[in-house]
Amino acid sequence: MSEVYKKQIGGDHYQSMTIQPSEFINKNNLPFAEGNAIKYLCRHKQKGQRKDLEKAIHYCQMAIDRDYPKRFFRRSGEREKRIRRILSRSKKTNRRTKGKGAT
């Protein structure tokens, strides 16, 4: 481990870890959102608890939004409407086929 990673300013929540999140993040050239998600996942029990897990989820959502944009749904809520429509069709089909062919 490089000397720079042995030093921590503001707390000691990374000192007990085999490899500090910052070293892992830098050595793997991870983007900002992924790096922050890892940081918060690693420290949640020693520092921010549930709030840190919520932050990790938020950064994962940022990475998803950045790398996998919703290309097929132009308007807000369109995806949810389409899912509801598919589910309602599925329920109607299930109701019609119930009892048919049953012995």
C-alpha atoms as a PDB file:
ATOM      1  CA  MET A   1       0.000   0.000   0.000  1.00  0.00           C
ATOM      2  CA  SER A   2       1.284   3.427  -0.920  1.00  0.00           C
ATOM      3  CA  GLU A   3       2.007   5.832   1.927  1.00  0.00           C
ATOM      4  CA  VAL A   4      -0.762   8.153   0.743  1.00  0.00           C
ATOM      5  CA  TYR A   5      -3.406   5.480   1.466  1.00  0.00           C
ATOM      6  CA  LYS A   6      -2.144   4.937   5.029  1.00  0.00           C
ATOM      7  CA  LYS A   7      -3.191   8.483   5.918  1.00  0.00           C
ATOM      8  CA  GLN A   8      -6.825   9.372   6.571  1.00  0.00           C
ATOM      9  CA  ILE A   9      -8.023  12.853   7.326  1.00  0.00           C
ATOM     10  CA  GLY A  10     -11.224  13.101   9.356  1.00  0.00           C
ATOM     11  CA  GLY A  11     -12.009   9.851  11.127  1.00  0.00           C
ATOM     12  CA  ASP A  12     -10.653   6.325  11.157  1.00  0.00           C
ATOM     13  CA  HIS A  13     -13.497   4.360   9.531  1.00  0.00           C
ATOM     14  CA  TYR A  14     -11.259   3.135   6.662  1.00  0.00           C
ATOM     15  CA  GLN A  15      -8.206   2.219   8.746  1.00  0.00           C
ATOM     16  CA  SER A  16      -9.419  -1.288   9.651  1.00  0.00           C
ATOM     17  CA  MET A  17     -10.038  -2.257   6.017  1.00  0.00           C
ATOM     18  CA  THR A  18      -7.610  -4.518   4.156  1.00  0.00           C
ATOM     19  CA  ILE A  19      -7.718  -2.145   1.206  1.00  0.00           C
ATOM     20  CA  GLN A  20      -9.131   1.334   1.464  1.00  0.00           C
ATOM     21  CA  PRO A  21     -11.969   2.119  -0.937  1.00  0.00           C
ATOM     22  CA  SER A  22     -10.021   5.042  -2.405  1.00  0.00           C
ATOM     23  CA  GLU A  23      -7.103   2.769  -3.314  1.00  0.00           C
ATOM     24  CA  PHE A  24      -9.437   0.216  -4.942  1.00  0.00           C
ATOM     25  CA  ILE A  25     -11.337   2.935  -6.803  1.00  0.00           C
ATOM     26  CA  ASN A  26      -8.183   4.641  -8.102  1.00  0.00           C
ATOM     27  CA  LYS A  27      -6.367   1.440  -9.086  1.00  0.00           C
ATOM     28  CA  ASN A  28      -9.417   0.279 -11.063  1.00  0.00           C
ATOM     29  CA  ASN A  29     -10.059   3.699 -12.660  1.00  0.00           C
ATOM     30  CA  LEU A  30     -13.700   3.648 -11.598  1.00  0.00           C
ATOM     31  CA  PRO A  31     -15.963   6.562 -12.532  1.00  0.00           C
ATOM     32  CA  PHE A  32     -17.235   8.966  -9.886  1.00  0.00           C
ATOM     33  CA  ALA A  33     -20.660   7.402  -9.222  1.00  0.00           C
ATOM     34  CA  GLU A  34     -19.334   3.843  -8.947  1.00  0.00           C
ATOM     35  CA  GLY A  35     -16.488   4.996  -6.698  1.00  0.00           C
ATOM     36  CA  ASN A  36     -18.816   6.792  -4.316  1.00  0.00           C
ATOM     37  CA  ALA A  37     -21.183   3.800  -4.199  1.00  0.00           C
ATOM     38  CA  ILE A  38     -18.260   1.578  -3.166  1.00  0.00           C
ATOM     39  CA  LYS A  39     -17.074   4.101  -0.586  1.00  0.00           C
ATOM     40  CA  TYR A  40     -20.492   4.290   1.081  1.00  0.00           C
ATOM     41  CA  LEU A  41     -21.011   0.516   0.954  1.00  0.00           C
ATOM     42  CA  CYS A  42     -17.659  -0.059   2.653  1.00  0.00           C
ATOM     43  CA  ARG A  43     -18.139   2.396   5.479  1.00  0.00           C
ATOM     44  CA  HIS A  44     -21.845   2.150   6.329  1.00  0.00           C
ATOM     45  CA  LYS A  45     -21.402   0.038   9.489  1.00  0.00           C
ATOM     46  CA  GLN A  46     -18.633   2.230  10.917  1.00  0.00           C
ATOM     47  CA  LYS A  47     -20.015   5.625  10.004  1.00  0.00           C
ATOM     48  CA  GLY A  48     -23.292   6.590   8.342  1.00  0.00           C
ATOM     49  CA  GLN A  49     -25.275   3.349   8.726  1.00  0.00           C
ATOM     50  CA  ARG A  50     -28.563   3.320   6.796  1.00  0.00           C
ATOM     51  CA  LYS A  51     -27.934   6.803   5.362  1.00  0.00           C
ATOM     52  CA  ASP A  52     -24.700   5.586   3.759  1.00  0.00           C
ATOM     53  CA  LEU A  53     -26.529   2.651   2.155  1.00  0.00           C
ATOM     54  CA  GLU A  54     -29.135   5.063   0.799  1.00  0.00           C
ATOM     55  CA  LYS A  55     -26.321   7.191  -0.627  1.00  0.00           C
ATOM     56  CA  ALA A  56     -24.773   4.099  -2.261  1.00  0.00           C
ATOM     57  CA  ILE A  57     -28.117   3.277  -3.879  1.00  0.00           C
ATOM     58  CA  HIS A  58     -28.408   6.878  -5.081  1.00  0.00           C
ATOM     59  CA  TYR A  59     -24.994   6.703  -6.746  1.00  0.00           C
ATOM     60  CA  CYS A  60     -25.916   3.371  -8.373  1.00  0.00           C
ATOM     61  CA  GLN A  61     -29.052   5.029  -9.736  1.00  0.00           C
ATOM     62  CA  MET A  62     -26.878   7.821 -11.143  1.00  0.00           C
ATOM     63  CA  ALA A  63     -24.689   5.273 -12.937  1.00  0.00           C
ATOM     64  CA  ILE A  64     -27.766   3.537 -14.348  1.00  0.00           C
ATOM     65  CA  ASP A  65     -29.198   6.846 -15.538  1.00  0.00           C
ATOM     66  CA  ARG A  66     -25.862   7.797 -17.111  1.00  0.00           C
ATOM     67  CA  ASP A  67     -25.125   4.467 -18.828  1.00  0.00           C
ATOM     68  CA  TYR A  68     -28.612   3.101 -19.537  1.00  0.00           C
ATOM     69  CA  PRO A  69     -30.915   6.015 -20.363  1.00  0.00           C
ATOM     70  CA  LYS A  70     -34.610   5.395 -20.924  1.00  0.00           C
ATOM     71  CA  ARG A  71     -34.535   5.601 -24.720  1.00  0.00           C
ATOM     72  CA  PHE A  72     -37.947   4.116 -25.373  1.00  0.00           C
ATOM     73  CA  PHE A  73     -40.016   6.328 -23.092  1.00  0.00           C
ATOM     74  CA  ARG A  74     -40.137   9.975 -24.064  1.00  0.00           C
ATOM     75  CA  ARG A  75     -42.603  11.337 -21.538  1.00  0.00           C
ATOM     76  CA  SER A  76     -42.448  11.066 -17.785  1.00  0.00           C
ATOM     77  CA  GLY A  77     -44.555   8.177 -16.551  1.00  0.00           C
ATOM     78  CA  GLU A  78     -44.840   6.536 -19.983  1.00  0.00           C
ATOM     79  CA  ARG A  79     -42.849   3.501 -18.847  1.00  0.00           C
ATOM     80  CA  GLU A  80     -45.089   2.942 -15.834  1.00  0.00           C
ATOM     81  CA  LYS A  81     -48.250   3.308 -17.972  1.00  0.00           C
ATOM     82  CA  ARG A  82     -46.954   0.756 -20.455  1.00  0.00           C
ATOM     83  CA  ILE A  83     -46.112  -1.703 -17.666  1.00  0.00           C
ATOM     84  CA  ARG A  84     -49.596  -1.278 -16.134  1.00  0.00           C
ATOM     85  CA  ARG A  85     -51.203  -1.863 -19.545  1.00  0.00           C
ATOM     86  CA  ILE A  86     -49.213  -5.077 -20.070  1.00  0.00           C
ATOM     87  CA  LEU A  87     -50.064  -6.309 -16.579  1.00  0.00           C
ATOM     88  CA  SER A  88     -53.779  -5.579 -17.010  1.00  0.00           C
ATOM     89  CA  ARG A  89     -53.811  -7.496 -20.310  1.00  0.00           C
ATOM     90  CA  SER A  90     -52.093 -10.391 -18.576  1.00  0.00           C
ATOM     91  CA  LYS A  91     -54.739 -10.422 -15.825  1.00  0.00           C
ATOM     92  CA  LYS A  92     -57.568 -10.364 -18.389  1.00  0.00           C
ATOM     93  CA  THR A  93     -55.984 -13.268 -20.284  1.00  0.00           C
ATOM     94  CA  ASN A  94     -55.607 -15.231 -17.059  1.00  0.00           C
ATOM     95  CA  ARG A  95     -59.275 -14.667 -16.166  1.00  0.00           C
ATOM     96  CA  ARG A  96     -60.454 -15.829 -19.587  1.00  0.00           C
ATOM     97  CA  THR A  97     -58.306 -18.957 -19.610  1.00  0.00           C
ATOM     98  CA  LYS A  98     -59.088 -19.946 -16.019  1.00  0.00           C
ATOM     99  CA  GLY A  99     -61.253 -23.012 -15.963  1.00  0.00           C
ATOM    100  CA  LYS A 100     -60.657 -23.824 -19.632  1.00  0.00           C
ATOM    101  CA  GLY A 101     -59.054 -27.203 -20.043  1.00  0.00           C
ATOM    102  CA  ALA A 102     -59.110 -27.907 -16.309  1.00  0.00           C
ATOM    103  CA  THR A 103     -60.288 -31.370 -15.339  1.00  0.00           C
END
